[in-house]
């Protein structure tokens, strides 16, 4: 799994300020599968990436 603090901050930025697909963001952050990214993000934030994006736009 990637280094959590950097990837979590980068994930939040990409979700908030870009219109890229969540799967594209997950691959940019070096997750092998979007489902791994979803689990990582939900564990770190309590929200799914989609929920985070909806709340922070």
PDB file of N, CA and C in Angstrom:
ATOM      1  N   UNK A   1       0.845  -1.183   0.000  1.00  0.00           N
ATOM      2  CA  UNK A   1       0.000   0.000   0.000  1.00  0.00           C
ATOM      3  C   UNK A   1       0.888   1.244   0.000  1.00  0.00           C
ATOM      4  N   UNK A   2       0.482   2.279  -0.732  1.00  0.00           N
ATOM      5  CA  UNK A   2       1.274   3.508  -0.777  1.00  0.00           C
ATOM      6  C   UNK A   2       1.371   4.188   0.588  1.00  0.00           C
ATOM      7  N   UNK A   3       2.302   5.113   0.699  1.00  0.00           N
ATOM      8  CA  UNK A   3       2.501   5.885   1.930  1.00  0.00           C
ATOM      9  C   UNK A   3       1.233   6.675   2.240  1.00  0.00           C
ATOM     10  N   UNK A   4       0.618   6.429   3.351  1.00  0.00           N
ATOM     11  CA  UNK A   4      -0.710   6.964   3.629  1.00  0.00           C
ATOM     12  C   UNK A   4      -0.813   8.489   3.686  1.00  0.00           C
ATOM     13  N   UNK A   5      -0.016   9.210   4.468  1.00  0.00           N
ATOM     14  CA  UNK A   5      -0.266  10.659   4.564  1.00  0.00           C
ATOM     15  C   UNK A   5      -0.190  11.384   3.218  1.00  0.00           C
ATOM     16  N   UNK A   6       0.839  11.109   2.428  1.00  0.00           N
ATOM     17  CA  UNK A   6       0.970  11.777   1.136  1.00  0.00           C
ATOM     18  C   UNK A   6      -0.177  11.405   0.209  1.00  0.00           C
ATOM     19  N   UNK A   7      -0.470  10.129   0.101  1.00  0.00           N
ATOM     20  CA  UNK A   7      -1.491   9.695  -0.838  1.00  0.00           C
ATOM     21  C   UNK A   7      -2.878  10.131  -0.408  1.00  0.00           C
ATOM     22  N   UNK A   8      -3.135  10.216   0.872  1.00  0.00           N
ATOM     23  CA  UNK A   8      -4.437  10.684   1.342  1.00  0.00           C
ATOM     24  C   UNK A   8      -4.609  12.160   0.987  1.00  0.00           C
ATOM     25  N   UNK A   9      -3.597  12.977   1.239  1.00  0.00           N
ATOM     26  CA  UNK A   9      -3.678  14.398   0.898  1.00  0.00           C
ATOM     27  C   UNK A   9      -3.813  14.604  -0.608  1.00  0.00           C
ATOM     28  N   UNK A  10      -3.050  13.854  -1.375  1.00  0.00           N
ATOM     29  CA  UNK A  10      -3.118  13.949  -2.828  1.00  0.00           C
ATOM     30  C   UNK A  10      -4.491  13.485  -3.336  1.00  0.00           C
ATOM     31  N   UNK A  11      -5.012  12.438  -2.753  1.00  0.00           N
ATOM     32  CA  UNK A  11      -6.333  11.930  -3.146  1.00  0.00           C
ATOM     33  C   UNK A  11      -7.405  12.979  -2.870  1.00  0.00           C
ATOM     34  N   UNK A  12      -7.360  13.598  -1.712  1.00  0.00           N
ATOM     35  CA  UNK A  12      -8.342  14.640  -1.385  1.00  0.00           C
ATOM     36  C   UNK A  12      -8.264  15.787  -2.383  1.00  0.00           C
ATOM     37  N   UNK A  13      -7.056  16.204  -2.713  1.00  0.00           N
ATOM     38  CA  UNK A  13      -6.880  17.292  -3.672  1.00  0.00           C
ATOM     39  C   UNK A  13      -7.470  16.916  -5.037  1.00  0.00           C
ATOM     40  N   UNK A  14      -7.110  15.740  -5.531  1.00  0.00           N
ATOM     41  CA  UNK A  14      -7.591  15.320  -6.850  1.00  0.00           C
ATOM     42  C   UNK A  14      -9.112  15.156  -6.883  1.00  0.00           C
ATOM     43  N   UNK A  15      -9.678  14.648  -5.807  1.00  0.00           N
ATOM     44  CA  UNK A  15     -11.129  14.484  -5.758  1.00  0.00           C
ATOM     45  C   UNK A  15     -11.843  15.829  -5.714  1.00  0.00           C
ATOM     46  N   UNK A  16     -11.258  16.766  -5.031  1.00  0.00           N
ATOM     47  CA  UNK A  16     -11.900  18.073  -4.857  1.00  0.00           C
ATOM     48  C   UNK A  16     -11.739  18.981  -6.075  1.00  0.00           C
ATOM     49  N   UNK A  17     -10.562  18.974  -6.699  1.00  0.00           N
ATOM     50  CA  UNK A  17     -10.263  19.985  -7.715  1.00  0.00           C
ATOM     51  C   UNK A  17     -10.167  19.477  -9.152  1.00  0.00           C
ATOM     52  N   UNK A  18     -10.371  18.194  -9.377  1.00  0.00           N
ATOM     53  CA  UNK A  18     -10.340  17.695 -10.751  1.00  0.00           C
ATOM     54  C   UNK A  18     -11.655  16.987 -11.062  1.00  0.00           C
ATOM     55  N   UNK A  19     -11.857  16.734 -12.325  1.00  0.00           N
ATOM     56  CA  UNK A  19     -13.041  15.997 -12.768  1.00  0.00           C
ATOM     57  C   UNK A  19     -12.657  14.605 -13.254  1.00  0.00           C
ATOM     58  N   UNK A  20     -11.489  14.136 -12.860  1.00  0.00           N
ATOM     59  CA  UNK A  20     -11.031  12.819 -13.286  1.00  0.00           C
ATOM     60  C   UNK A  20     -11.869  11.724 -12.629  1.00  0.00           C
ATOM     61  N   UNK A  21     -12.005  10.633 -13.350  1.00  0.00           N
ATOM     62  CA  UNK A  21     -12.690   9.482 -12.780  1.00  0.00           C
ATOM     63  C   UNK A  21     -11.930   8.993 -11.552  1.00  0.00           C
ATOM     64  N   UNK A  22     -12.667   8.428 -10.613  1.00  0.00           N
ATOM     65  CA  UNK A  22     -12.041   7.905  -9.400  1.00  0.00           C
ATOM     66  C   UNK A  22     -11.079   6.780  -9.745  1.00  0.00           C
ATOM     67  N   UNK A  23     -11.407   5.985 -10.741  1.00  0.00           N
ATOM     68  CA  UNK A  23     -10.482   4.917 -11.139  1.00  0.00           C
ATOM     69  C   UNK A  23      -9.169   5.502 -11.670  1.00  0.00           C
ATOM     70  N   UNK A  24      -9.231   6.588 -12.402  1.00  0.00           N
ATOM     71  CA  UNK A  24      -8.021   7.251 -12.901  1.00  0.00           C
ATOM     72  C   UNK A  24      -7.181   7.773 -11.745  1.00  0.00           C
ATOM     73  N   UNK A  25      -7.834   8.375 -10.767  1.00  0.00           N
ATOM     74  CA  UNK A  25      -7.124   8.869  -9.583  1.00  0.00           C
ATOM     75  C   UNK A  25      -6.460   7.714  -8.852  1.00  0.00           C
ATOM     76  N   UNK A  26      -7.161   6.603  -8.719  1.00  0.00           N
ATOM     77  CA  UNK A  26      -6.576   5.467  -7.993  1.00  0.00           C
ATOM     78  C   UNK A  26      -5.316   4.959  -8.682  1.00  0.00           C
ATOM     79  N   UNK A  27      -5.321   4.893 -10.015  1.00  0.00           N
ATOM     80  CA  UNK A  27      -4.126   4.439 -10.740  1.00  0.00           C
ATOM     81  C   UNK A  27      -3.004   5.471 -10.656  1.00  0.00           C
ATOM     82  N   UNK A  28      -3.340   6.758 -10.684  1.00  0.00           N
ATOM     83  CA  UNK A  28      -2.319   7.802 -10.537  1.00  0.00           C
ATOM     84  C   UNK A  28      -1.607   7.695  -9.193  1.00  0.00           C
ATOM     85  N   UNK A  29      -2.341   7.250  -8.190  1.00  0.00           N
ATOM     86  CA  UNK A  29      -1.782   7.125  -6.843  1.00  0.00           C
ATOM     87  C   UNK A  29      -1.179   5.748  -6.594  1.00  0.00           C
ATOM     88  N   UNK A  30      -1.039   4.974  -7.659  1.00  0.00           N
ATOM     89  CA  UNK A  30      -0.355   3.682  -7.641  1.00  0.00           C
ATOM     90  C   UNK A  30      -1.095   2.583  -6.887  1.00  0.00           C
ATOM     91  N   UNK A  31      -2.421   2.665  -6.866  1.00  0.00           N
ATOM     92  CA  UNK A  31      -3.214   1.548  -6.359  1.00  0.00           C
ATOM     93  C   UNK A  31      -3.418   0.578  -7.520  1.00  0.00           C
ATOM     94  N   UNK A  32      -3.327  -0.703  -7.241  1.00  0.00           N
ATOM     95  CA  UNK A  32      -3.448  -1.690  -8.319  1.00  0.00           C
ATOM     96  C   UNK A  32      -4.890  -1.838  -8.799  1.00  0.00           C
ATOM     97  N   UNK A  33      -5.839  -1.539  -7.948  1.00  0.00           N
ATOM     98  CA  UNK A  33      -7.263  -1.639  -8.289  1.00  0.00           C
ATOM     99  C   UNK A  33      -8.020  -0.480  -7.645  1.00  0.00           C
ATOM    100  N   UNK A  34      -9.021   0.059  -8.313  1.00  0.00           N
ATOM    101  CA  UNK A  34      -9.837   1.117  -7.707  1.00  0.00           C
ATOM    102  C   UNK A  34     -10.506   0.683  -6.399  1.00  0.00           C
ATOM    103  N   UNK A  35     -10.833  -0.588  -6.272  1.00  0.00           N
ATOM    104  CA  UNK A  35     -11.452  -1.047  -5.021  1.00  0.00           C
ATOM    105  C   UNK A  35     -10.505  -0.905  -3.838  1.00  0.00           C
ATOM    106  N   UNK A  36      -9.203  -1.096  -4.068  1.00  0.00           N
ATOM    107  CA  UNK A  36      -8.225  -0.906  -2.990  1.00  0.00           C
ATOM    108  C   UNK A  36      -8.179   0.564  -2.583  1.00  0.00           C
ATOM    109  N   UNK A  37      -8.228   1.445  -3.569  1.00  0.00           N
ATOM    110  CA  UNK A  37      -8.252   2.880  -3.277  1.00  0.00           C
ATOM    111  C   UNK A  37      -9.505   3.241  -2.480  1.00  0.00           C
ATOM    112  N   UNK A  38     -10.651   2.701  -2.879  1.00  0.00           N
ATOM    113  CA  UNK A  38     -11.894   2.994  -2.161  1.00  0.00           C
ATOM    114  C   UNK A  38     -11.809   2.565  -0.701  1.00  0.00           C
ATOM    115  N   UNK A  39     -11.283   1.377  -0.456  1.00  0.00           N
ATOM    116  CA  UNK A  39     -11.145   0.880   0.921  1.00  0.00           C
ATOM    117  C   UNK A  39     -10.173   1.741   1.720  1.00  0.00           C
ATOM    118  N   UNK A  40      -9.033   2.082   1.115  1.00  0.00           N
ATOM    119  CA  UNK A  40      -8.043   2.938   1.766  1.00  0.00           C
ATOM    120  C   UNK A  40      -8.660   4.289   2.119  1.00  0.00           C
ATOM    121  N   UNK A  41      -9.344   4.908   1.184  1.00  0.00           N
ATOM    122  CA  UNK A  41      -9.894   6.240   1.407  1.00  0.00           C
ATOM    123  C   UNK A  41     -10.998   6.207   2.460  1.00  0.00           C
ATOM    124  N   UNK A  42     -11.855   5.207   2.395  1.00  0.00           N
ATOM    125  CA  UNK A  42     -12.931   5.110   3.382  1.00  0.00           C
ATOM    126  C   UNK A  42     -12.375   4.873   4.786  1.00  0.00           C
ATOM    127  N   UNK A  43     -11.337   4.077   4.889  1.00  0.00           N
ATOM    128  CA  UNK A  43     -10.723   3.830   6.200  1.00  0.00           C
ATOM    129  C   UNK A  43     -10.085   5.108   6.744  1.00  0.00           C
ATOM    130  N   UNK A  44      -9.471   5.899   5.860  1.00  0.00           N
ATOM    131  CA  UNK A  44      -8.788   7.117   6.287  1.00  0.00           C
ATOM    132  C   UNK A  44      -9.753   8.256   6.600  1.00  0.00           C
ATOM    133  N   UNK A  45     -10.873   8.336   5.862  1.00  0.00           N
ATOM    134  CA  UNK A  45     -11.737   9.510   6.000  1.00  0.00           C
ATOM    135  C   UNK A  45     -13.132   9.212   6.542  1.00  0.00           C
ATOM    136  N   UNK A  46     -13.541   7.954   6.476  1.00  0.00           N
ATOM    137  CA  UNK A  46     -14.904   7.619   6.870  1.00  0.00           C
ATOM    138  C   UNK A  46     -15.906   7.814   5.745  1.00  0.00           C
ATOM    139  N   UNK A  47     -15.433   8.270   4.594  1.00  0.00           N
ATOM    140  CA  UNK A  47     -16.281   8.496   3.427  1.00  0.00           C
ATOM    141  C   UNK A  47     -15.717   7.763   2.223  1.00  0.00           C
ATOM    142  N   UNK A  48     -16.582   7.387   1.309  1.00  0.00           N
ATOM    143  CA  UNK A  48     -16.086   6.863   0.051  1.00  0.00           C
ATOM    144  C   UNK A  48     -15.548   8.031  -0.766  1.00  0.00           C
ATOM    145  N   UNK A  49     -14.691   7.773  -1.740  1.00  0.00           N
ATOM    146  CA  UNK A  49     -14.199   8.870  -2.572  1.00  0.00           C
ATOM    147  C   UNK A  49     -15.332   9.659  -3.234  1.00  0.00           C
ATOM    148  N   UNK A  50     -16.371   8.978  -3.694  1.00  0.00           N
ATOM    149  CA  UNK A  50     -17.493   9.671  -4.328  1.00  0.00           C
ATOM    150  C   UNK A  50     -18.235  10.579  -3.334  1.00  0.00           C
ATOM    151  N   UNK A  51     -18.437  10.081  -2.125  1.00  0.00           N
ATOM    152  CA  UNK A  51     -19.104  10.892  -1.101  1.00  0.00           C
ATOM    153  C   UNK A  51     -18.253  12.110  -0.744  1.00  0.00           C
ATOM    154  N   UNK A  52     -16.946  11.911  -0.619  1.00  0.00           N
ATOM    155  CA  UNK A  52     -16.044  13.026  -0.325  1.00  0.00           C
ATOM    156  C   UNK A  52     -16.131  14.080  -1.428  1.00  0.00           C
ATOM    157  N   UNK A  53     -16.126  13.629  -2.666  1.00  0.00           N
ATOM    158  CA  UNK A  53     -16.193  14.548  -3.808  1.00  0.00           C
ATOM    159  C   UNK A  53     -17.504  15.340  -3.784  1.00  0.00           C
ATOM    160  N   UNK A  54     -18.595  14.667  -3.528  1.00  0.00           N
ATOM    161  CA  UNK A  54     -19.900  15.350  -3.498  1.00  0.00           C
ATOM    162  C   UNK A  54     -19.957  16.410  -2.392  1.00  0.00           C
ATOM    163  N   UNK A  55     -19.399  16.105  -1.246  1.00  0.00           N
ATOM    164  CA  UNK A  55     -19.450  17.027  -0.110  1.00  0.00           C
ATOM    165  C   UNK A  55     -18.473  18.200  -0.228  1.00  0.00           C
ATOM    166  N   UNK A  56     -17.465  18.063  -1.041  1.00  0.00           N
ATOM    167  CA  UNK A  56     -16.402  19.079  -1.090  1.00  0.00           C
ATOM    168  C   UNK A  56     -16.310  19.827  -2.416  1.00  0.00           C
ATOM    169  N   UNK A  57     -17.351  19.827  -3.175  1.00  0.00           N
ATOM    170  CA  UNK A  57     -17.355  20.595  -4.435  1.00  0.00           C
ATOM    171  C   UNK A  57     -18.191  21.814  -4.293  1.00  0.00           C
TER     172      UNK A  57
END
